[in-house]
N, C-alpha and C. Protein backbone atom coordinates (compact mmCIF):
# COMPACT_ATOMS: atom_id res chain seq x y z
N CYS A 1 22.35 -48.88 -32.12
CA CYS A 1 23.23 -49.71 -31.43
C CYS A 1 23.12 -51.25 -31.31
N GLU A 2 23.77 -51.87 -31.95
CA GLU A 2 23.73 -53.58 -32.32
C GLU A 2 25.01 -54.22 -31.98
N ASP A 3 24.52 -55.30 -31.60
CA ASP A 3 25.95 -56.22 -31.44
C ASP A 3 27.09 -55.58 -30.43
N LYS A 4 26.80 -54.93 -29.47
CA LYS A 4 27.62 -54.53 -28.43
C LYS A 4 28.50 -53.33 -29.44
N THR A 5 27.70 -52.58 -30.51
CA THR A 5 28.43 -51.67 -31.25
C THR A 5 27.51 -50.49 -31.31
N LEU A 6 28.33 -49.20 -30.93
CA LEU A 6 27.32 -48.23 -30.92
C LEU A 6 27.96 -47.38 -32.04
N LYS A 7 26.82 -47.11 -33.15
CA LYS A 7 27.46 -46.05 -34.04
C LYS A 7 26.38 -45.20 -34.50
N LEU A 8 27.33 -43.75 -34.65
CA LEU A 8 26.39 -42.33 -34.59
C LEU A 8 27.11 -41.82 -36.16
N GLU A 9 25.97 -41.76 -37.07
CA GLU A 9 25.99 -41.24 -38.29
C GLU A 9 25.45 -39.89 -38.44
N ILE A 10 26.11 -38.86 -39.24
CA ILE A 10 25.50 -37.65 -39.54
C ILE A 10 25.83 -37.77 -41.18
N ARG A 11 24.61 -37.28 -41.72
CA ARG A 11 24.73 -37.03 -43.06
C ARG A 11 23.86 -35.88 -43.59
N ASP A 12 24.64 -35.39 -44.52
CA ASP A 12 23.97 -34.21 -45.48
C ASP A 12 24.01 -34.22 -46.87
N ASP A 13 23.08 -33.62 -47.67
CA ASP A 13 23.19 -33.69 -49.23
C ASP A 13 23.73 -32.42 -49.67
N GLY A 14 24.61 -31.50 -48.99
CA GLY A 14 24.89 -30.63 -49.36
C GLY A 14 25.96 -30.52 -50.32
N ASN A 15 26.89 -29.30 -50.25
CA ASN A 15 27.86 -29.23 -51.22
C ASN A 15 29.18 -30.12 -50.95
N GLY A 16 29.60 -30.80 -49.79
CA GLY A 16 30.59 -31.25 -49.45
C GLY A 16 31.69 -30.61 -49.64
N PHE A 17 33.11 -31.06 -49.64
CA PHE A 17 34.10 -30.68 -49.87
C PHE A 17 35.55 -31.37 -50.28
N ASP A 18 36.69 -31.14 -50.41
CA ASP A 18 37.49 -31.83 -50.93
C ASP A 18 38.26 -32.59 -50.21
N ILE A 19 38.06 -33.75 -49.77
CA ILE A 19 38.82 -34.64 -48.65
C ILE A 19 40.40 -34.41 -48.66
N GLU A 20 40.99 -34.26 -50.01
CA GLU A 20 42.54 -34.20 -50.07
C GLU A 20 42.72 -32.97 -49.44
N ALA A 21 41.96 -31.67 -49.56
CA ALA A 21 42.35 -30.78 -48.74
C ALA A 21 41.95 -30.47 -47.23
N LEU A 22 41.73 -31.76 -46.84
CA LEU A 22 41.54 -32.23 -45.33
C LEU A 22 41.88 -31.18 -44.32
N PRO A 23 43.57 -31.34 -44.26
CA PRO A 23 44.16 -30.43 -43.18
C PRO A 23 43.54 -29.10 -43.18
N SER A 24 43.54 -28.32 -44.51
CA SER A 24 42.99 -26.88 -44.48
C SER A 24 41.47 -27.03 -44.25
N GLU A 25 40.70 -27.87 -44.71
CA GLU A 25 39.35 -27.74 -44.31
C GLU A 25 39.23 -27.87 -42.65
N LEU A 26 39.85 -29.10 -41.94
CA LEU A 26 39.86 -28.68 -40.69
C LEU A 26 40.32 -27.64 -39.87
N ASN A 27 41.06 -26.83 -40.60
CA ASN A 27 41.48 -25.60 -39.70
C ASN A 27 40.15 -24.65 -39.84
N ARG A 28 39.45 -24.70 -41.18
CA ARG A 28 38.30 -24.06 -41.22
C ARG A 28 37.19 -24.41 -40.49
N LYS A 29 36.98 -25.65 -40.17
CA LYS A 29 36.13 -26.36 -39.54
C LYS A 29 36.49 -27.13 -38.04
N PRO A 30 36.83 -26.11 -37.18
CA PRO A 30 37.12 -26.78 -35.76
C PRO A 30 36.25 -27.94 -35.04
N ASP A 31 35.20 -27.77 -36.09
CA ASP A 31 33.99 -28.73 -35.18
C ASP A 31 34.29 -29.96 -35.25
N LEU A 32 34.71 -30.39 -36.90
CA LEU A 32 35.29 -31.55 -37.42
C LEU A 32 36.59 -32.13 -36.50
N THR A 33 37.23 -31.23 -36.20
CA THR A 33 38.81 -31.74 -35.60
C THR A 33 37.98 -32.47 -34.15
N SER A 34 37.19 -31.46 -33.70
CA SER A 34 36.77 -31.68 -32.08
C SER A 34 36.12 -32.90 -32.09
N MET A 35 35.36 -33.34 -33.05
CA MET A 35 34.38 -34.66 -33.17
C MET A 35 35.50 -35.67 -33.13
N LYS A 36 36.50 -35.85 -33.97
CA LYS A 36 37.48 -36.80 -34.39
C LYS A 36 38.05 -37.02 -33.01
N GLU A 37 38.85 -35.73 -32.12
CA GLU A 37 39.53 -36.06 -31.05
C GLU A 37 38.62 -36.63 -30.17
N TYR A 38 37.25 -36.04 -30.06
CA TYR A 38 36.65 -36.74 -29.07
C TYR A 38 36.14 -37.94 -29.09
N THR A 39 35.92 -38.52 -30.29
CA THR A 39 35.80 -39.97 -30.66
C THR A 39 37.02 -40.90 -30.27
N GLU A 40 38.19 -40.23 -30.61
CA GLU A 40 39.19 -41.03 -30.60
C GLU A 40 39.68 -41.32 -29.01
N LEU A 41 39.37 -40.15 -28.17
CA LEU A 41 39.71 -40.27 -26.86
C LEU A 41 38.70 -41.37 -26.14
N SER A 42 37.67 -41.18 -26.90
CA SER A 42 37.09 -42.30 -26.01
C SER A 42 36.55 -43.54 -26.57
N GLU A 43 37.95 -43.97 -27.42
CA GLU A 43 38.47 -45.18 -28.00
C GLU A 43 37.26 -45.78 -29.03
N GLY A 44 36.95 -44.40 -29.88
CA GLY A 44 36.09 -45.04 -30.99
C GLY A 44 36.91 -44.76 -32.10
N ARG A 45 36.21 -45.23 -33.37
CA ARG A 45 36.75 -44.84 -34.84
C ARG A 45 35.84 -43.62 -35.34
N PHE A 46 36.94 -42.88 -36.30
CA PHE A 46 35.99 -41.71 -36.82
C PHE A 46 36.29 -41.76 -38.28
N SER A 47 35.09 -41.33 -39.19
CA SER A 47 35.57 -41.80 -40.65
C SER A 47 34.66 -40.50 -41.07
N LEU A 48 35.04 -40.12 -42.13
CA LEU A 48 34.64 -38.95 -42.94
C LEU A 48 34.74 -39.01 -44.44
N ARG A 49 33.39 -38.75 -44.92
CA ARG A 49 33.51 -38.90 -46.40
C ARG A 49 32.86 -37.65 -46.97
N SER A 50 33.29 -37.23 -48.11
CA SER A 50 32.55 -36.15 -48.64
C SER A 50 32.72 -36.12 -49.91
N SER A 51 31.74 -35.42 -50.60
CA SER A 51 31.77 -35.46 -52.28
C SER A 51 30.71 -34.25 -52.64
N GLN A 52 31.36 -33.63 -53.56
CA GLN A 52 30.53 -32.28 -54.01
C GLN A 52 29.15 -32.61 -54.83
N ILE A 53 28.87 -33.81 -54.77
CA ILE A 53 27.92 -34.48 -55.51
C ILE A 53 26.90 -35.07 -54.18
N LYS A 54 27.57 -35.51 -53.91
CA LYS A 54 26.65 -36.33 -52.79
C LYS A 54 26.66 -35.94 -51.23
N GLY A 55 27.32 -34.95 -50.87
CA GLY A 55 27.19 -34.03 -49.54
C GLY A 55 28.49 -34.74 -48.90
N THR A 56 28.16 -34.99 -47.07
CA THR A 56 29.19 -35.18 -46.43
C THR A 56 28.48 -36.24 -45.43
N CYS A 57 29.41 -37.23 -45.17
CA CYS A 57 28.94 -38.32 -44.27
C CYS A 57 29.94 -38.48 -43.08
N ILE A 58 29.79 -38.18 -41.73
CA ILE A 58 30.47 -38.19 -40.83
C ILE A 58 29.82 -39.72 -39.93
N GLU A 59 30.93 -40.32 -39.43
CA GLU A 59 30.71 -41.76 -38.93
C GLU A 59 31.55 -42.06 -37.64
N MET A 60 30.95 -42.10 -36.40
CA MET A 60 31.63 -42.17 -35.48
C MET A 60 31.29 -44.00 -34.86
N THR A 61 32.23 -44.54 -34.58
CA THR A 61 31.57 -46.08 -34.39
C THR A 61 32.42 -46.32 -32.81
N TRP A 62 31.74 -47.32 -31.89
CA TRP A 62 32.50 -47.47 -30.66
C TRP A 62 31.89 -48.97 -30.57
N ASP A 63 33.09 -49.78 -29.82
CA ASP A 63 33.09 -51.19 -29.49
C ASP A 63 32.50 -51.22 -28.39
N LEU A 64 31.52 -51.31 -28.17
CA LEU A 64 31.10 -51.64 -26.53
C LEU A 64 31.83 -52.82 -25.57
N ALA A 65 31.52 -53.99 -26.54
CA ALA A 65 32.01 -54.95 -26.07
C ALA A 65 33.19 -55.33 -25.14
N ASN A 66 34.09 -54.44 -25.42
CA ASN A 66 35.43 -54.49 -24.70
C ASN A 66 35.54 -53.43 -23.40
N ARG A 67 34.61 -52.71 -23.56
CA ARG A 67 34.53 -51.62 -22.56
C ARG A 67 34.25 -52.22 -20.94
N ARG A 68 35.32 -51.61 -20.09
CA ARG A 68 34.92 -52.08 -18.85
C ARG A 68 33.89 -51.49 -17.95
N ASN A 69 33.36 -50.40 -18.09
CA ASN A 69 32.42 -49.91 -17.29
C ASN A 69 30.58 -50.64 -17.76
N LEU A 70 30.62 -51.56 -18.48
CA LEU A 70 29.41 -51.81 -18.81
C LEU A 70 29.09 -52.95 -18.05
């Protein structure tokens, strides 16, 4: 948490998957869909990068400066 920004990053060095096939991947990986939906419902930004060489990185970021309840 820096400068009123909260960032959660999840990485692995596994096999990754094809981002171009994302809709079908999300059907097979409902956890990714849930993570994206919960992040966006809480006014956050969701990013997903994956490479068959480098693995997968999921990043969720929230701007806390504009939150009313802080």
